Amino acid sequence: MRLIFGTFAALGVAFALPAVPAAAQAVGMQVVDTSGAPVGTVTAIKGDNIQVKTDKHDALLPKTSFSVSNGKLLFAMSQAQLDAAIEKSEAAANAAIAAGATVKGVGGAAVGTIDSVADGKVTIALQNGKKIAIAQDGLRGNPDGSVTIGYSSEQLEALVTGSAPAAKSEK
């Protein structure tokens, strides 16, 4: 699972060293902690984020959390600390996917609530009272306890009624 850690600006340290290199130069760079121990490898640059692959996870982290030092990207957390932070975030996100949670669609508007979660499927009670089952990995839990789905209420209605094809879901 890929995660974006907007809170890493607070967890990471903004260094006063040279800026992170351009995307083409950064992909493949080693990421090390302040003691020089390996944290991971840069696999992509996505906007203002750097995708880092650790021994266990892929994560998108803000560019501002890195600096260049001796041809490597310096990061303020160790690999174990980063992996633990990712796992804590994943656990919180998964915990949010529970009965009663508000489901928000495209644009952040509420589209319904979770009715039940079982066997990798989530049943959502839409605002019009109809229900739809979605694969659990098609939802994303949020820190505020809500859940996000990549459909609008109109698209979900179309899926329930079969009246028109809905756009592809985006997490």
N, C-alpha and C. Protein backbone atom coordinates (compact mmCIF):
# COMPACT_ATOMS: atom_id res chain seq x y z
N MET A 1 0.84 -1.17 0.00
CA MET A 1 0.00 0.00 0.00
C MET A 1 0.89 1.24 0.00
N ARG A 2 0.57 2.16 -0.86
CA ARG A 2 1.32 3.41 -0.89
C ARG A 2 0.61 4.44 -0.04
N LEU A 3 1.37 5.13 0.74
CA LEU A 3 0.79 6.12 1.63
C LEU A 3 1.45 7.45 1.41
N ILE A 4 0.68 8.49 1.59
CA ILE A 4 1.23 9.84 1.58
C ILE A 4 1.25 10.33 3.01
N PHE A 5 2.39 10.77 3.46
CA PHE A 5 2.54 11.22 4.83
C PHE A 5 2.69 12.72 4.85
N GLY A 6 1.59 13.44 4.84
CA GLY A 6 1.63 14.89 4.94
C GLY A 6 2.14 15.34 6.28
N THR A 7 2.04 14.49 7.27
CA THR A 7 2.48 14.86 8.60
C THR A 7 3.98 14.69 8.78
N PHE A 8 4.68 14.16 7.77
CA PHE A 8 6.11 13.97 7.92
C PHE A 8 6.87 15.28 7.93
N ALA A 9 6.25 16.35 7.50
CA ALA A 9 6.92 17.64 7.64
C ALA A 9 7.15 17.91 9.12
N ALA A 10 6.22 17.48 9.95
CA ALA A 10 6.38 17.65 11.39
C ALA A 10 7.31 16.59 11.97
N LEU A 11 7.26 15.37 11.42
CA LEU A 11 8.11 14.30 11.92
C LEU A 11 9.53 14.41 11.39
N GLY A 12 9.66 14.82 10.12
CA GLY A 12 10.97 14.95 9.51
C GLY A 12 11.61 16.25 9.93
N VAL A 13 12.80 16.44 9.47
CA VAL A 13 13.52 17.67 9.77
C VAL A 13 13.81 18.37 8.47
N ALA A 14 13.55 19.64 8.41
CA ALA A 14 13.89 20.42 7.22
C ALA A 14 15.37 20.79 7.36
N PHE A 15 16.17 20.32 6.44
CA PHE A 15 17.61 20.53 6.49
C PHE A 15 18.00 21.74 5.67
N ALA A 16 19.03 22.41 6.06
CA ALA A 16 19.53 23.58 5.33
C ALA A 16 20.69 23.16 4.42
N LEU A 17 20.52 22.05 3.72
CA LEU A 17 21.52 21.55 2.78
C LEU A 17 20.99 21.74 1.37
N PRO A 18 21.74 21.36 0.35
CA PRO A 18 21.29 21.53 -1.02
C PRO A 18 19.93 20.88 -1.26
N ALA A 19 19.19 21.42 -2.21
CA ALA A 19 17.85 20.94 -2.54
C ALA A 19 17.91 19.53 -3.13
N VAL A 20 16.77 18.84 -3.07
CA VAL A 20 16.64 17.52 -3.65
C VAL A 20 16.82 17.64 -5.16
N PRO A 21 17.58 16.74 -5.79
CA PRO A 21 17.83 16.83 -7.22
C PRO A 21 16.56 16.61 -8.04
N ALA A 22 16.64 16.94 -9.31
CA ALA A 22 15.52 16.75 -10.24
C ALA A 22 15.12 15.29 -10.27
N ALA A 23 13.87 15.02 -10.69
CA ALA A 23 13.31 13.68 -10.67
C ALA A 23 14.22 12.64 -11.34
N ALA A 24 14.71 12.95 -12.52
CA ALA A 24 15.53 11.99 -13.24
C ALA A 24 16.80 11.65 -12.46
N GLN A 25 17.32 12.59 -11.73
CA GLN A 25 18.54 12.35 -10.97
C GLN A 25 18.26 11.65 -9.64
N ALA A 26 17.10 11.85 -9.07
CA ALA A 26 16.81 11.32 -7.74
C ALA A 26 16.37 9.85 -7.76
N VAL A 27 15.69 9.39 -8.82
CA VAL A 27 15.22 8.01 -8.86
C VAL A 27 16.43 7.09 -8.78
N GLY A 28 16.35 6.16 -7.84
CA GLY A 28 17.44 5.22 -7.61
C GLY A 28 18.39 5.66 -6.50
N MET A 29 18.28 6.91 -6.05
CA MET A 29 19.15 7.39 -4.98
C MET A 29 18.86 6.66 -3.68
N GLN A 30 19.90 6.44 -2.92
CA GLN A 30 19.75 5.84 -1.61
C GLN A 30 19.30 6.90 -0.62
N VAL A 31 18.40 6.52 0.28
CA VAL A 31 17.95 7.38 1.37
C VAL A 31 18.58 6.83 2.65
N VAL A 32 19.23 7.71 3.41
CA VAL A 32 19.88 7.30 4.65
C VAL A 32 19.38 8.18 5.79
N ASP A 33 19.53 7.67 7.02
CA ASP A 33 19.15 8.47 8.18
C ASP A 33 20.33 9.33 8.61
N THR A 34 20.17 10.07 9.68
CA THR A 34 21.21 11.02 10.10
C THR A 34 22.50 10.35 10.55
N SER A 35 22.44 9.04 10.83
CA SER A 35 23.66 8.32 11.19
C SER A 35 24.31 7.67 9.98
N GLY A 36 23.65 7.78 8.81
CA GLY A 36 24.18 7.18 7.58
C GLY A 36 23.65 5.79 7.30
N ALA A 37 22.79 5.27 8.16
CA ALA A 37 22.22 3.93 7.96
C ALA A 37 21.15 3.98 6.86
N PRO A 38 21.04 2.93 6.05
CA PRO A 38 20.05 2.90 4.97
C PRO A 38 18.62 2.98 5.49
N VAL A 39 17.80 3.78 4.79
CA VAL A 39 16.37 3.88 5.06
C VAL A 39 15.61 3.23 3.91
N GLY A 40 16.02 3.52 2.68
CA GLY A 40 15.36 2.98 1.50
C GLY A 40 15.95 3.55 0.24
N THR A 41 15.20 3.40 -0.85
CA THR A 41 15.63 3.87 -2.16
C THR A 41 14.50 4.67 -2.80
N VAL A 42 14.85 5.74 -3.50
CA VAL A 42 13.86 6.54 -4.22
C VAL A 42 13.42 5.76 -5.46
N THR A 43 12.10 5.55 -5.58
CA THR A 43 11.56 4.85 -6.74
C THR A 43 10.82 5.77 -7.69
N ALA A 44 10.43 6.97 -7.23
CA ALA A 44 9.72 7.91 -8.10
C ALA A 44 9.65 9.28 -7.43
N ILE A 45 9.43 10.29 -8.26
CA ILE A 45 9.13 11.63 -7.78
C ILE A 45 7.73 11.93 -8.28
N LYS A 46 6.86 12.32 -7.37
CA LYS A 46 5.46 12.60 -7.72
C LYS A 46 5.09 13.95 -7.15
N GLY A 47 5.17 14.97 -7.99
CA GLY A 47 4.87 16.33 -7.54
C GLY A 47 5.84 16.76 -6.48
N ASP A 48 5.31 17.15 -5.33
CA ASP A 48 6.15 17.60 -4.21
C ASP A 48 6.52 16.46 -3.27
N ASN A 49 6.34 15.23 -3.73
CA ASN A 49 6.63 14.06 -2.90
C ASN A 49 7.66 13.15 -3.54
N ILE A 50 8.37 12.44 -2.70
CA ILE A 50 9.34 11.44 -3.13
C ILE A 50 8.82 10.09 -2.68
N GLN A 51 8.75 9.14 -3.61
CA GLN A 51 8.34 7.79 -3.26
C GLN A 51 9.58 7.01 -2.85
N VAL A 52 9.54 6.47 -1.63
CA VAL A 52 10.66 5.74 -1.06
C VAL A 52 10.22 4.30 -0.79
N LYS A 53 11.05 3.36 -1.21
CA LYS A 53 10.82 1.94 -0.93
C LYS A 53 11.77 1.54 0.19
N THR A 54 11.19 1.13 1.34
CA THR A 54 11.99 0.62 2.44
C THR A 54 12.07 -0.89 2.29
N ASP A 55 12.55 -1.59 3.29
CA ASP A 55 12.58 -3.04 3.24
C ASP A 55 11.18 -3.65 3.29
N LYS A 56 10.18 -2.87 3.76
CA LYS A 56 8.82 -3.39 3.93
C LYS A 56 7.75 -2.63 3.16
N HIS A 57 7.95 -1.34 2.94
CA HIS A 57 6.86 -0.49 2.45
C HIS A 57 7.31 0.47 1.35
N ASP A 58 6.31 0.98 0.63
CA ASP A 58 6.45 2.12 -0.28
C ASP A 58 5.72 3.27 0.37
N ALA A 59 6.32 4.45 0.36
CA ALA A 59 5.65 5.61 0.94
C ALA A 59 5.99 6.86 0.16
N LEU A 60 5.01 7.75 0.02
CA LEU A 60 5.23 9.07 -0.56
C LEU A 60 5.49 10.02 0.58
N LEU A 61 6.63 10.67 0.53
CA LEU A 61 7.04 11.58 1.60
C LEU A 61 7.34 12.94 1.01
N PRO A 62 7.06 14.02 1.72
CA PRO A 62 7.30 15.37 1.20
C PRO A 62 8.79 15.60 0.89
N LYS A 63 9.04 16.23 -0.25
CA LYS A 63 10.43 16.56 -0.62
C LYS A 63 11.12 17.37 0.46
N THR A 64 10.35 18.18 1.17
CA THR A 64 10.94 19.04 2.20
C THR A 64 11.51 18.25 3.37
N SER A 65 11.22 16.95 3.44
CA SER A 65 11.75 16.12 4.52
C SER A 65 13.13 15.56 4.20
N PHE A 66 13.67 15.90 3.04
CA PHE A 66 14.94 15.36 2.59
C PHE A 66 15.94 16.47 2.27
N SER A 67 17.19 16.09 2.29
CA SER A 67 18.25 16.95 1.76
C SER A 67 19.31 16.04 1.17
N VAL A 68 20.19 16.61 0.36
CA VAL A 68 21.25 15.85 -0.27
C VAL A 68 22.51 15.96 0.57
N SER A 69 23.14 14.82 0.81
CA SER A 69 24.39 14.78 1.55
C SER A 69 25.25 13.65 0.99
N ASN A 70 26.39 13.99 0.48
CA ASN A 70 27.33 13.00 -0.06
C ASN A 70 26.69 12.08 -1.10
N GLY A 71 25.88 12.64 -1.99
CA GLY A 71 25.26 11.88 -3.07
C GLY A 71 24.09 11.02 -2.64
N LYS A 72 23.62 11.17 -1.42
CA LYS A 72 22.48 10.41 -0.92
C LYS A 72 21.46 11.38 -0.36
N LEU A 73 20.22 10.91 -0.23
CA LEU A 73 19.19 11.74 0.39
C LEU A 73 19.18 11.44 1.88
N LEU A 74 19.23 12.49 2.65
CA LEU A 74 19.24 12.40 4.10
C LEU A 74 17.82 12.57 4.62
N PHE A 75 17.41 11.68 5.52
CA PHE A 75 16.06 11.69 6.10
C PHE A 75 16.21 11.57 7.61
N ALA A 76 15.37 12.23 8.36
CA ALA A 76 15.52 12.32 9.81
C ALA A 76 15.07 11.09 10.58
N MET A 77 14.44 10.12 9.93
CA MET A 77 13.97 8.92 10.62
C MET A 77 14.79 7.72 10.16
N SER A 78 14.95 6.76 11.06
CA SER A 78 15.60 5.50 10.68
C SER A 78 14.59 4.67 9.89
N GLN A 79 15.09 3.61 9.25
CA GLN A 79 14.19 2.72 8.52
C GLN A 79 13.16 2.11 9.45
N ALA A 80 13.57 1.70 10.63
CA ALA A 80 12.63 1.10 11.60
C ALA A 80 11.58 2.11 12.03
N GLN A 81 11.98 3.36 12.25
CA GLN A 81 11.03 4.40 12.64
C GLN A 81 10.04 4.69 11.51
N LEU A 82 10.54 4.76 10.27
CA LEU A 82 9.66 5.01 9.13
C LEU A 82 8.69 3.85 8.95
N ASP A 83 9.20 2.61 8.98
CA ASP A 83 8.31 1.45 8.85
C ASP A 83 7.25 1.44 9.94
N ALA A 84 7.63 1.76 11.17
CA ALA A 84 6.66 1.79 12.28
C ALA A 84 5.61 2.88 12.07
N ALA A 85 6.03 4.05 11.57
CA ALA A 85 5.08 5.14 11.31
C ALA A 85 4.11 4.75 10.20
N ILE A 86 4.60 4.07 9.18
CA ILE A 86 3.74 3.62 8.08
C ILE A 86 2.74 2.59 8.62
N GLU A 87 3.21 1.65 9.40
CA GLU A 87 2.33 0.61 9.94
C GLU A 87 1.28 1.20 10.87
N LYS A 88 1.66 2.19 11.65
CA LYS A 88 0.69 2.87 12.54
C LYS A 88 -0.37 3.59 11.70
N SER A 89 0.06 4.25 10.63
CA SER A 89 -0.88 4.96 9.76
C SER A 89 -1.82 3.97 9.06
N GLU A 90 -1.26 2.85 8.57
CA GLU A 90 -2.09 1.83 7.92
C GLU A 90 -3.12 1.27 8.90
N ALA A 91 -2.71 1.01 10.13
CA ALA A 91 -3.62 0.47 11.14
C ALA A 91 -4.76 1.45 11.42
N ALA A 92 -4.42 2.73 11.54
CA ALA A 92 -5.44 3.75 11.78
C ALA A 92 -6.40 3.85 10.60
N ALA A 93 -5.85 3.78 9.39
CA ALA A 93 -6.70 3.84 8.19
C ALA A 93 -7.63 2.64 8.12
N ASN A 94 -7.09 1.45 8.39
CA ASN A 94 -7.92 0.25 8.36
C ASN A 94 -8.97 0.26 9.46
N ALA A 95 -8.62 0.81 10.63
CA ALA A 95 -9.59 0.89 11.73
C ALA A 95 -10.76 1.80 11.39
N ALA A 96 -10.51 2.80 10.54
CA ALA A 96 -11.58 3.72 10.15
C ALA A 96 -12.63 3.04 9.28
N ILE A 97 -12.25 1.96 8.60
CA ILE A 97 -13.18 1.24 7.73
C ILE A 97 -13.98 0.29 8.62
N ALA A 98 -15.03 0.83 9.23
CA ALA A 98 -15.85 0.09 10.18
C ALA A 98 -17.30 0.53 10.06
N ALA A 99 -18.20 -0.33 10.51
CA ALA A 99 -19.63 -0.01 10.48
C ALA A 99 -19.89 1.33 11.15
N GLY A 100 -20.70 2.15 10.51
CA GLY A 100 -21.07 3.46 11.04
C GLY A 100 -20.22 4.61 10.52
N ALA A 101 -19.08 4.31 9.91
CA ALA A 101 -18.21 5.37 9.40
C ALA A 101 -18.85 6.09 8.21
N THR A 102 -18.68 7.40 8.16
CA THR A 102 -19.15 8.18 7.02
C THR A 102 -18.26 7.91 5.83
N VAL A 103 -18.88 7.71 4.67
CA VAL A 103 -18.15 7.50 3.43
C VAL A 103 -18.26 8.76 2.60
N LYS A 104 -17.09 9.29 2.23
CA LYS A 104 -17.03 10.50 1.40
C LYS A 104 -16.62 10.11 -0.01
N GLY A 105 -17.25 10.75 -0.97
CA GLY A 105 -16.94 10.48 -2.36
C GLY A 105 -16.01 11.52 -2.94
N VAL A 106 -15.95 11.54 -4.25
CA VAL A 106 -15.13 12.50 -4.98
C VAL A 106 -15.50 13.91 -4.52
N GLY A 107 -14.52 14.71 -4.20
CA GLY A 107 -14.76 16.07 -3.76
C GLY A 107 -15.05 16.20 -2.28
N GLY A 108 -15.11 15.07 -1.56
CA GLY A 108 -15.30 15.13 -0.12
C GLY A 108 -16.73 15.14 0.37
N ALA A 109 -17.70 15.06 -0.54
CA ALA A 109 -19.11 15.05 -0.13
C ALA A 109 -19.49 13.68 0.42
N ALA A 110 -20.29 13.66 1.48
CA ALA A 110 -20.76 12.40 2.06
C ALA A 110 -21.66 11.67 1.06
N VAL A 111 -21.41 10.37 0.86
CA VAL A 111 -22.22 9.57 -0.06
C VAL A 111 -23.00 8.48 0.68
N GLY A 112 -22.67 8.25 1.94
CA GLY A 112 -23.36 7.24 2.72
C GLY A 112 -22.58 6.87 3.96
N THR A 113 -22.95 5.73 4.56
CA THR A 113 -22.24 5.23 5.73
C THR A 113 -21.98 3.74 5.54
N ILE A 114 -20.96 3.26 6.23
CA ILE A 114 -20.66 1.84 6.15
C ILE A 114 -21.68 1.07 6.97
N ASP A 115 -22.33 0.12 6.32
CA ASP A 115 -23.32 -0.73 6.98
C ASP A 115 -22.64 -1.93 7.63
N SER A 116 -21.71 -2.56 6.89
CA SER A 116 -21.01 -3.72 7.43
C SER A 116 -19.69 -3.94 6.70
N VAL A 117 -18.79 -4.67 7.37
CA VAL A 117 -17.50 -5.05 6.79
C VAL A 117 -17.32 -6.53 7.07
N ALA A 118 -17.14 -7.32 6.00
CA ALA A 118 -16.96 -8.76 6.18
C ALA A 118 -16.27 -9.35 4.95
N ASP A 119 -15.33 -10.25 5.20
CA ASP A 119 -14.67 -11.01 4.13
C ASP A 119 -14.12 -10.14 3.01
N GLY A 120 -13.51 -9.00 3.36
CA GLY A 120 -12.89 -8.13 2.37
C GLY A 120 -13.88 -7.27 1.60
N LYS A 121 -15.14 -7.31 1.96
CA LYS A 121 -16.18 -6.50 1.31
C LYS A 121 -16.76 -5.52 2.31
N VAL A 122 -17.07 -4.34 1.82
CA VAL A 122 -17.69 -3.31 2.64
C VAL A 122 -19.05 -2.98 2.02
N THR A 123 -20.10 -3.06 2.82
CA THR A 123 -21.43 -2.69 2.34
C THR A 123 -21.70 -1.27 2.79
N ILE A 124 -22.00 -0.42 1.81
CA ILE A 124 -22.25 0.99 2.06
C ILE A 124 -23.73 1.26 1.88
N ALA A 125 -24.34 1.88 2.89
CA ALA A 125 -25.73 2.33 2.79
C ALA A 125 -25.66 3.75 2.23
N LEU A 126 -26.11 3.89 0.98
CA LEU A 126 -26.09 5.20 0.33
C LEU A 126 -27.13 6.12 0.95
N GLN A 127 -27.01 7.40 0.67
CA GLN A 127 -27.94 8.37 1.25
C GLN A 127 -29.37 8.14 0.81
N ASN A 128 -29.57 7.50 -0.34
CA ASN A 128 -30.93 7.23 -0.81
C ASN A 128 -31.49 5.94 -0.22
N GLY A 129 -30.73 5.28 0.67
CA GLY A 129 -31.19 4.06 1.32
C GLY A 129 -30.75 2.78 0.64
N LYS A 130 -30.29 2.86 -0.60
CA LYS A 130 -29.83 1.66 -1.30
C LYS A 130 -28.46 1.27 -0.77
N LYS A 131 -28.11 0.00 -0.97
CA LYS A 131 -26.82 -0.50 -0.50
C LYS A 131 -25.99 -1.03 -1.66
N ILE A 132 -24.68 -0.91 -1.49
CA ILE A 132 -23.75 -1.41 -2.49
C ILE A 132 -22.55 -2.02 -1.77
N ALA A 133 -22.07 -3.15 -2.29
CA ALA A 133 -20.89 -3.81 -1.71
C ALA A 133 -19.68 -3.44 -2.56
N ILE A 134 -18.61 -3.05 -1.88
CA ILE A 134 -17.37 -2.61 -2.52
C ILE A 134 -16.23 -3.41 -1.89
N ALA A 135 -15.21 -3.75 -2.69
CA ALA A 135 -14.03 -4.40 -2.13
C ALA A 135 -13.38 -3.44 -1.13
N GLN A 136 -12.96 -3.95 0.02
CA GLN A 136 -12.39 -3.11 1.07
C GLN A 136 -11.18 -2.34 0.59
N ASP A 137 -10.39 -2.92 -0.32
CA ASP A 137 -9.22 -2.20 -0.80
C ASP A 137 -9.57 -1.08 -1.76
N GLY A 138 -10.85 -0.90 -2.07
CA GLY A 138 -11.32 0.22 -2.89
C GLY A 138 -11.66 1.44 -2.04
N LEU A 139 -11.44 1.33 -0.74
CA LEU A 139 -11.73 2.42 0.19
C LEU A 139 -10.45 2.83 0.90
N ARG A 140 -10.43 4.06 1.37
CA ARG A 140 -9.28 4.55 2.14
C ARG A 140 -9.79 5.17 3.43
N GLY A 141 -9.28 4.70 4.56
CA GLY A 141 -9.62 5.29 5.84
C GLY A 141 -8.88 6.60 6.03
N ASN A 142 -9.48 7.55 6.71
CA ASN A 142 -8.90 8.86 6.94
C ASN A 142 -8.67 9.09 8.44
N PRO A 143 -7.72 9.98 8.77
CA PRO A 143 -7.43 10.25 10.18
C PRO A 143 -8.64 10.73 10.98
N ASP A 144 -9.61 11.38 10.32
CA ASP A 144 -10.78 11.89 11.04
C ASP A 144 -11.84 10.81 11.28
N GLY A 145 -11.55 9.56 10.89
CA GLY A 145 -12.49 8.46 11.08
C GLY A 145 -13.43 8.25 9.93
N SER A 146 -13.41 9.15 8.94
CA SER A 146 -14.24 8.96 7.76
C SER A 146 -13.49 8.04 6.78
N VAL A 147 -14.19 7.67 5.72
CA VAL A 147 -13.65 6.78 4.70
C VAL A 147 -13.88 7.45 3.35
N THR A 148 -12.94 7.29 2.44
CA THR A 148 -13.06 7.90 1.11
C THR A 148 -13.15 6.81 0.05
N ILE A 149 -14.01 7.06 -0.93
CA ILE A 149 -14.15 6.20 -2.10
C ILE A 149 -14.01 7.09 -3.33
N GLY A 150 -13.50 6.56 -4.41
CA GLY A 150 -13.24 7.35 -5.61
C GLY A 150 -14.43 7.50 -6.54
N TYR A 151 -15.63 7.49 -6.01
CA TYR A 151 -16.84 7.67 -6.80
C TYR A 151 -17.66 8.82 -6.23
N SER A 152 -18.45 9.44 -7.08
CA SER A 152 -19.42 10.44 -6.61
C SER A 152 -20.70 9.71 -6.24
N SER A 153 -21.62 10.40 -5.57
CA SER A 153 -22.90 9.77 -5.22
C SER A 153 -23.66 9.37 -6.48
N GLU A 154 -23.55 10.16 -7.54
CA GLU A 154 -24.23 9.84 -8.81
C GLU A 154 -23.66 8.57 -9.43
N GLN A 155 -22.35 8.42 -9.37
CA GLN A 155 -21.72 7.22 -9.92
C GLN A 155 -22.10 5.98 -9.13
N LEU A 156 -22.16 6.10 -7.80
CA LEU A 156 -22.58 4.97 -6.97
C LEU A 156 -24.03 4.60 -7.26
N GLU A 157 -24.88 5.61 -7.41
CA GLU A 157 -26.29 5.36 -7.75
C GLU A 157 -26.38 4.61 -9.08
N ALA A 158 -25.59 5.03 -10.06
CA ALA A 158 -25.59 4.35 -11.36
C ALA A 158 -25.13 2.90 -11.23
N LEU A 159 -24.16 2.65 -10.37
CA LEU A 159 -23.71 1.29 -10.16
C LEU A 159 -24.79 0.43 -9.52
N VAL A 160 -25.52 0.99 -8.57
CA VAL A 160 -26.58 0.26 -7.88
C VAL A 160 -27.73 -0.05 -8.83
N THR A 161 -28.14 0.93 -9.62
CA THR A 161 -29.29 0.75 -10.50
C THR A 161 -28.93 0.14 -11.84
N GLY A 162 -27.63 0.17 -12.19
CA GLY A 162 -27.21 -0.34 -13.48
C GLY A 162 -27.64 0.55 -14.62
N SER A 163 -27.98 1.83 -14.32
CA SER A 163 -28.52 2.73 -15.33
C SER A 163 -27.47 3.30 -16.28
N ALA A 164 -26.24 3.40 -15.85
CA ALA A 164 -25.19 3.94 -16.71
C ALA A 164 -23.85 3.49 -16.16
N PRO A 165 -22.89 3.34 -17.05
CA PRO A 165 -21.57 2.96 -16.55
C PRO A 165 -20.96 4.10 -15.74
N ALA A 166 -20.34 3.76 -14.64
CA ALA A 166 -19.68 4.76 -13.80
C ALA A 166 -18.22 4.85 -14.18
N ALA A 167 -17.63 5.98 -13.88
CA ALA A 167 -16.20 6.17 -14.14
C ALA A 167 -15.40 5.23 -13.24
N LYS A 168 -14.19 4.93 -13.67
CA LYS A 168 -13.30 4.05 -12.90
C LYS A 168 -12.98 4.66 -11.55
N SER A 169 -13.04 3.82 -10.52
CA SER A 169 -12.72 4.27 -9.17
C SER A 169 -11.26 4.63 -9.04
N GLU A 170 -10.99 5.73 -8.34
CA GLU A 170 -9.62 6.13 -8.03
C GLU A 170 -9.52 6.33 -6.54
N LYS A 171 -8.55 5.65 -5.92
CA LYS A 171 -8.36 5.82 -4.48
C LYS A 171 -7.66 7.09 -4.20
